[in-house]
Structures are given as structure tokens and as C-alpha cells.
Amino acid sequence: MNYDKLDFKLILEEDITMAIAGYIKATKADLLTTFTHKLSLEEKIFGRSVTRKVAYQAITPLLAIKRK
């Protein structure tokens, strides 16, 4: 894409929410975009959505797009 203000990074970490928070802080991001997915039964029982965790912790605006 020929737009220099758009950036994509792939970061592999154990704690996803901490990795996202660190990246936002390091880059001084203006907006965070996430894509939701359908949770498995195990994820529904034992886990929480990463998007939901980030939304409650973030100061940066969050755009969550529902993936079909």
C-alpha cells in the first residue's frame, strides 16, 4: 500500500495484551484495530476475548471488526 501512515507488525509473545500495550506505547499509535473471531467452547468457559481485555485496559481508541 502506498500510504506511509499505515503500519502492520506481527509480534509473537506469550501475553498478547501486554505485547499490544507495549507496542502501542512504543509507537505512540493513534488507533488499534482488532478482528474478532468466534470463540470455541473452551475459550468461552475458561478464557476471555483478547479484544475485550484490550478494550478495558486501553487509552488508545480501539476499532473492533467482527469477522464472519
C-alpha atoms as a PDB file:
ATOM      1  CA  MET A   1       0.000   0.000   0.000  1.00  0.00           C
ATOM      2  CA  ASN A   2       1.293   3.424  -0.835  1.00  0.00           C
ATOM      3  CA  TYR A   3       0.257   5.159   2.416  1.00  0.00           C
ATOM      4  CA  ASP A   4       3.095   5.786   4.857  1.00  0.00           C
ATOM      5  CA  LYS A   5       0.920   6.326   7.962  1.00  0.00           C
ATOM      6  CA  LEU A   6      -0.434   2.776   7.879  1.00  0.00           C
ATOM      7  CA  ASP A   7       1.679   0.100   9.512  1.00  0.00           C
ATOM      8  CA  PHE A   8       1.359  -3.629  10.113  1.00  0.00           C
ATOM      9  CA  LYS A   9       3.509  -5.593  12.564  1.00  0.00           C
ATOM     10  CA  LEU A  10       3.459  -9.250  13.535  1.00  0.00           C
ATOM     11  CA  ILE A  11       4.550  -9.679  17.152  1.00  0.00           C
ATOM     12  CA  LEU A  12       4.768 -13.114  18.745  1.00  0.00           C
ATOM     13  CA  GLU A  13       4.515 -13.071  22.548  1.00  0.00           C
ATOM     14  CA  GLU A  14       3.034 -15.257  25.284  1.00  0.00           C
ATOM     15  CA  ASP A  15       0.945 -12.468  26.852  1.00  0.00           C
ATOM     16  CA  ILE A  16      -0.932 -10.877  23.977  1.00  0.00           C
ATOM     17  CA  THR A  17      -2.444  -7.975  25.909  1.00  0.00           C
ATOM     18  CA  MET A  18       0.940  -6.931  27.325  1.00  0.00           C
ATOM     19  CA  ALA A  19       2.529  -7.173  23.864  1.00  0.00           C
ATOM     20  CA  ILE A  20      -0.188  -4.956  22.396  1.00  0.00           C
ATOM     21  CA  ALA A  21       0.106  -2.424  25.228  1.00  0.00           C
ATOM     22  CA  GLY A  22       3.893  -2.316  24.828  1.00  0.00           C
ATOM     23  CA  TYR A  23       3.641  -1.832  21.077  1.00  0.00           C
ATOM     24  CA  ILE A  24       1.094   0.963  21.425  1.00  0.00           C
ATOM     25  CA  LYS A  25       3.306   2.718  23.957  1.00  0.00           C
ATOM     26  CA  ALA A  26       6.489   2.279  21.901  1.00  0.00           C
ATOM     27  CA  THR A  27       4.975   3.528  18.652  1.00  0.00           C
ATOM     28  CA  LYS A  28       2.574   6.115  20.098  1.00  0.00           C
ATOM     29  CA  ALA A  29      -0.203   4.603  17.984  1.00  0.00           C
ATOM     30  CA  ASP A  30      -3.320   6.644  17.238  1.00  0.00           C
ATOM     31  CA  LEU A  31      -5.692   3.715  16.716  1.00  0.00           C
ATOM     32  CA  LEU A  32      -5.694  -0.023  17.361  1.00  0.00           C
ATOM     33  CA  THR A  33      -7.740  -2.257  15.070  1.00  0.00           C
ATOM     34  CA  THR A  34      -8.591  -5.830  16.021  1.00  0.00           C
ATOM     35  CA  PHE A  35     -10.564  -8.566  14.337  1.00  0.00           C
ATOM     36  CA  THR A  36     -12.878 -10.709  16.411  1.00  0.00           C
ATOM     37  CA  HIS A  37     -13.410 -14.419  15.861  1.00  0.00           C
ATOM     38  CA  LYS A  38     -15.881 -16.971  17.051  1.00  0.00           C
ATOM     39  CA  LEU A  39     -14.763 -18.406  20.389  1.00  0.00           C
ATOM     40  CA  SER A  40     -14.559 -22.139  20.912  1.00  0.00           C
ATOM     41  CA  LEU A  41     -16.444 -23.747  23.792  1.00  0.00           C
ATOM     42  CA  GLU A  42     -13.201 -23.989  25.787  1.00  0.00           C
ATOM     43  CA  GLU A  43     -12.432 -20.313  25.183  1.00  0.00           C
ATOM     44  CA  LYS A  44     -15.949 -19.344  26.270  1.00  0.00           C
ATOM     45  CA  ILE A  45     -15.667 -21.313  29.526  1.00  0.00           C
ATOM     46  CA  PHE A  46     -12.051 -20.666  30.559  1.00  0.00           C
ATOM     47  CA  GLY A  47     -10.857 -17.612  28.688  1.00  0.00           C
ATOM     48  CA  ARG A  48     -11.740 -14.092  27.804  1.00  0.00           C
ATOM     49  CA  SER A  49     -11.617 -12.356  24.473  1.00  0.00           C
ATOM     50  CA  VAL A  50      -8.330 -10.565  23.825  1.00  0.00           C
ATOM     51  CA  THR A  51     -10.257  -7.709  22.215  1.00  0.00           C
ATOM     52  CA  ARG A  52     -12.369  -7.361  25.354  1.00  0.00           C
ATOM     53  CA  LYS A  53      -9.270  -7.358  27.601  1.00  0.00           C
ATOM     54  CA  VAL A  54      -7.559  -4.725  25.463  1.00  0.00           C
ATOM     55  CA  ALA A  55     -10.707  -2.593  25.290  1.00  0.00           C
ATOM     56  CA  TYR A  56     -10.925  -2.317  29.077  1.00  0.00           C
ATOM     57  CA  GLN A  57      -7.207  -1.511  29.513  1.00  0.00           C
ATOM     58  CA  ALA A  58      -6.510   0.752  26.558  1.00  0.00           C
ATOM     59  CA  ILE A  59      -6.342   4.506  26.429  1.00  0.00           C
ATOM     60  CA  THR A  60      -5.878   4.349  22.658  1.00  0.00           C
ATOM     61  CA  PRO A  61      -9.089   4.183  20.606  1.00  0.00           C
ATOM     62  CA  LEU A  62     -10.000   0.628  19.580  1.00  0.00           C
ATOM     63  CA  LEU A  63     -11.744  -0.379  16.364  1.00  0.00           C
ATOM     64  CA  ALA A  64     -13.030  -3.975  16.658  1.00  0.00           C
ATOM     65  CA  ILE A  65     -14.185  -5.519  13.392  1.00  0.00           C
ATOM     66  CA  LYS A  66     -16.381  -8.604  13.538  1.00  0.00           C
ATOM     67  CA  ARG A  67     -15.011 -11.278  11.237  1.00  0.00           C
ATOM     68  CA  LYS A  68     -17.522 -13.621   9.635  1.00  0.00           C
END
